Amino acid sequence: ASNVLLDFELNGRLGDFGLAKLYEHGANPGTSRVVGTSKLVGTFGYLAPELLRTGIATTSSDVFAFAALLLEVVCGRRPIDLKALQEELVLVDWVWERFKDG
C-alpha cells in the first residue's frame, strides 16, 4: 500500500513506476510493442495465479493486484505473512475461506 498515494481530491495515484512497461516514445500502448520486457517480476501476493502460470499480464491480473491491495488496507495485513499459520499465509486465501464460512 506504500506505493499508492492520494491527490488533493483523494484520487489514488501510483507512486512507484519501477515495474512499468516501456513503450517507444509517442507510441499508443494499446497498439505498440513493449520495448525490452522479457521477465515476469512483481511482489508475490499481488501476482494473480494465472499471471504466475502463464507469465502474461492482463487486465484481470491488474484487478487481482488491486484487490490484494484493497484487502491489505481493509484487513491490516500484508498479502503474504510468513509468520502466520499455514492456512493464513496468503491473505487472499484467508479472506476467501472466511467468506465461504459466512
C-alpha atoms as a PDB file:
ATOM      1  CA  ALA A   1       0.000   0.000   0.000  1.00  0.00           C
ATOM      2  CA  SER A   2       3.009   2.296   0.342  1.00  0.00           C
ATOM      3  CA  ASN A   3       3.157   2.855  -3.442  1.00  0.00           C
ATOM      4  CA  VAL A   4      -0.371   4.280  -3.638  1.00  0.00           C
ATOM      5  CA  LEU A   5      -0.668   7.995  -2.971  1.00  0.00           C
ATOM      6  CA  LEU A   6      -3.785  10.178  -2.747  1.00  0.00           C
ATOM      7  CA  ASP A   7      -4.101  13.535  -4.505  1.00  0.00           C
ATOM      8  CA  PHE A   8      -5.963  16.556  -3.089  1.00  0.00           C
ATOM      9  CA  GLU A   9      -9.298  15.067  -4.259  1.00  0.00           C
ATOM     10  CA  LEU A  10      -8.438  11.677  -2.685  1.00  0.00           C
ATOM     11  CA  ASN A  11      -7.914  10.002  -6.070  1.00  0.00           C
ATOM     12  CA  GLY A  12      -5.464   7.110  -5.920  1.00  0.00           C
ATOM     13  CA  ARG A  13      -2.177   7.608  -7.775  1.00  0.00           C
ATOM     14  CA  LEU A  14       0.605   5.105  -8.386  1.00  0.00           C
ATOM     15  CA  GLY A  15       3.749   6.311  -6.642  1.00  0.00           C
ATOM     16  CA  ASP A  16       6.256   3.753  -7.960  1.00  0.00           C
ATOM     17  CA  PHE A  17       6.816   3.032 -11.616  1.00  0.00           C
ATOM     18  CA  GLY A  18       9.606   0.526 -11.054  1.00  0.00           C
ATOM     19  CA  LEU A  19       7.674  -2.194 -12.879  1.00  0.00           C
ATOM     20  CA  ALA A  20       6.100  -0.003 -15.566  1.00  0.00           C
ATOM     21  CA  LYS A  21       6.276  -1.208 -19.160  1.00  0.00           C
ATOM     22  CA  LEU A  22       8.499   0.668 -21.574  1.00  0.00           C
ATOM     23  CA  TYR A  23       6.986   1.774 -24.918  1.00  0.00           C
ATOM     24  CA  GLU A  24       8.531   3.600 -27.839  1.00  0.00           C
ATOM     25  CA  HIS A  25       8.267   7.398 -27.452  1.00  0.00           C
ATOM     26  CA  GLY A  26       4.914   8.728 -28.688  1.00  0.00           C
ATOM     27  CA  ALA A  27       3.501   5.246 -29.265  1.00  0.00           C
ATOM     28  CA  ASN A  28      -0.002   4.126 -28.352  1.00  0.00           C
ATOM     29  CA  PRO A  29       0.405   1.442 -25.622  1.00  0.00           C
ATOM     30  CA  GLY A  30      -2.733  -0.301 -26.884  1.00  0.00           C
ATOM     31  CA  THR A  31      -1.261  -0.962 -30.321  1.00  0.00           C
ATOM     32  CA  SER A  32       2.518  -0.794 -29.835  1.00  0.00           C
ATOM     33  CA  ARG A  33       5.042  -3.411 -28.893  1.00  0.00           C
ATOM     34  CA  VAL A  34       6.661  -3.323 -25.484  1.00  0.00           C
ATOM     35  CA  VAL A  35      10.352  -2.455 -25.507  1.00  0.00           C
ATOM     36  CA  GLY A  36      12.748  -4.668 -23.547  1.00  0.00           C
ATOM     37  CA  THR A  37      10.314  -6.631 -21.364  1.00  0.00           C
ATOM     38  CA  SER A  38      11.145 -10.307 -21.063  1.00  0.00           C
ATOM     39  CA  LYS A  39      10.855 -11.223 -17.367  1.00  0.00           C
ATOM     40  CA  LEU A  40       7.938 -11.612 -15.013  1.00  0.00           C
ATOM     41  CA  VAL A  41       8.573  -9.506 -11.925  1.00  0.00           C
ATOM     42  CA  GLY A  42       6.435  -8.389  -9.044  1.00  0.00           C
ATOM     43  CA  THR A  43       5.670  -8.978  -5.408  1.00  0.00           C
ATOM     44  CA  PHE A  44       4.300 -12.381  -4.503  1.00  0.00           C
ATOM     45  CA  GLY A  45       0.856 -11.932  -3.011  1.00  0.00           C
ATOM     46  CA  TYR A  46      -0.108  -9.306  -5.581  1.00  0.00           C
ATOM     47  CA  LEU A  47       0.552 -11.554  -8.597  1.00  0.00           C
ATOM     48  CA  ALA A  48      -2.537 -13.291  -9.954  1.00  0.00           C
ATOM     49  CA  PRO A  49      -2.351 -17.105 -10.197  1.00  0.00           C
ATOM     50  CA  GLU A  50      -2.816 -17.032 -13.985  1.00  0.00           C
ATOM     51  CA  LEU A  51      -0.007 -14.480 -14.298  1.00  0.00           C
ATOM     52  CA  LEU A  52       2.294 -16.818 -12.377  1.00  0.00           C
ATOM     53  CA  ARG A  53       1.227 -19.745 -14.607  1.00  0.00           C
ATOM     54  CA  THR A  54       1.442 -18.039 -17.995  1.00  0.00           C
ATOM     55  CA  GLY A  55       3.715 -15.047 -17.462  1.00  0.00           C
ATOM     56  CA  ILE A  56       1.207 -12.919 -19.398  1.00  0.00           C
ATOM     57  CA  ALA A  57      -0.143  -9.793 -17.707  1.00  0.00           C
ATOM     58  CA  THR A  58      -3.776  -8.933 -18.446  1.00  0.00           C
ATOM     59  CA  THR A  59      -6.424  -6.579 -17.145  1.00  0.00           C
ATOM     60  CA  SER A  60      -7.559  -9.427 -14.884  1.00  0.00           C
ATOM     61  CA  SER A  61      -4.117  -9.689 -13.298  1.00  0.00           C
ATOM     62  CA  ASP A  62      -4.234  -5.934 -12.639  1.00  0.00           C
ATOM     63  CA  VAL A  63      -7.653  -6.351 -10.994  1.00  0.00           C
ATOM     64  CA  PHE A  64      -6.246  -9.156  -8.812  1.00  0.00           C
ATOM     65  CA  ALA A  65      -3.341  -6.944  -7.706  1.00  0.00           C
ATOM     66  CA  PHE A  66      -5.707  -4.070  -6.900  1.00  0.00           C
ATOM     67  CA  ALA A  67      -7.996  -6.404  -4.935  1.00  0.00           C
ATOM     68  CA  ALA A  68      -4.985  -7.672  -2.972  1.00  0.00           C
ATOM     69  CA  LEU A  69      -4.122  -4.056  -2.174  1.00  0.00           C
ATOM     70  CA  LEU A  70      -7.692  -3.365  -1.001  1.00  0.00           C
ATOM     71  CA  LEU A  71      -7.647  -6.472   1.199  1.00  0.00           C
ATOM     72  CA  GLU A  72      -4.342  -5.330   2.682  1.00  0.00           C
ATOM     73  CA  VAL A  73      -5.831  -1.943   3.565  1.00  0.00           C
ATOM     74  CA  VAL A  74      -9.125  -3.328   4.914  1.00  0.00           C
ATOM     75  CA  CYS A  75      -7.636  -6.248   6.873  1.00  0.00           C
ATOM     76  CA  GLY A  76      -4.480  -4.520   8.066  1.00  0.00           C
ATOM     77  CA  ARG A  77      -2.350  -7.459   6.920  1.00  0.00           C
ATOM     78  CA  ARG A  78       0.274  -7.874   4.218  1.00  0.00           C
ATOM     79  CA  PRO A  79      -0.717 -10.128   1.276  1.00  0.00           C
ATOM     80  CA  ILE A  80       1.838 -12.710   2.442  1.00  0.00           C
ATOM     81  CA  ASP A  81       2.526 -13.195   6.149  1.00  0.00           C
ATOM     82  CA  LEU A  82       5.394 -15.637   6.651  1.00  0.00           C
ATOM     83  CA  LYS A  83       4.804 -15.629  10.427  1.00  0.00           C
ATOM     84  CA  ALA A  84       1.172 -16.757  10.079  1.00  0.00           C
ATOM     85  CA  LEU A  85      -0.149 -20.290  10.298  1.00  0.00           C
ATOM     86  CA  GLN A  86      -0.022 -22.222   7.019  1.00  0.00           C
ATOM     87  CA  GLU A  87      -3.761 -21.728   6.382  1.00  0.00           C
ATOM     88  CA  GLU A  88      -3.411 -17.966   6.999  1.00  0.00           C
ATOM     89  CA  LEU A  89      -0.208 -17.440   4.991  1.00  0.00           C
ATOM     90  CA  VAL A  90      -1.808 -15.900   1.878  1.00  0.00           C
ATOM     91  CA  LEU A  91      -4.252 -13.072   2.649  1.00  0.00           C
ATOM     92  CA  VAL A  92      -6.433 -13.675  -0.425  1.00  0.00           C
ATOM     93  CA  ASP A  93      -6.867 -17.364   0.503  1.00  0.00           C
ATOM     94  CA  TRP A  94      -7.560 -16.498   4.143  1.00  0.00           C
ATOM     95  CA  VAL A  95     -10.263 -13.960   3.185  1.00  0.00           C
ATOM     96  CA  TRP A  96     -11.793 -16.410   0.693  1.00  0.00           C
ATOM     97  CA  GLU A  97     -12.083 -19.078   3.416  1.00  0.00           C
ATOM     98  CA  ARG A  98     -13.697 -16.571   5.811  1.00  0.00           C
ATOM     99  CA  PHE A  99     -16.123 -15.582   3.035  1.00  0.00           C
ATOM    100  CA  LYS A 100     -17.107 -19.220   2.419  1.00  0.00           C
ATOM    101  CA  ASP A 101     -17.604 -19.731   6.163  1.00  0.00           C
ATOM    102  CA  GLY A 102     -20.101 -16.858   6.166  1.00  0.00           C
END
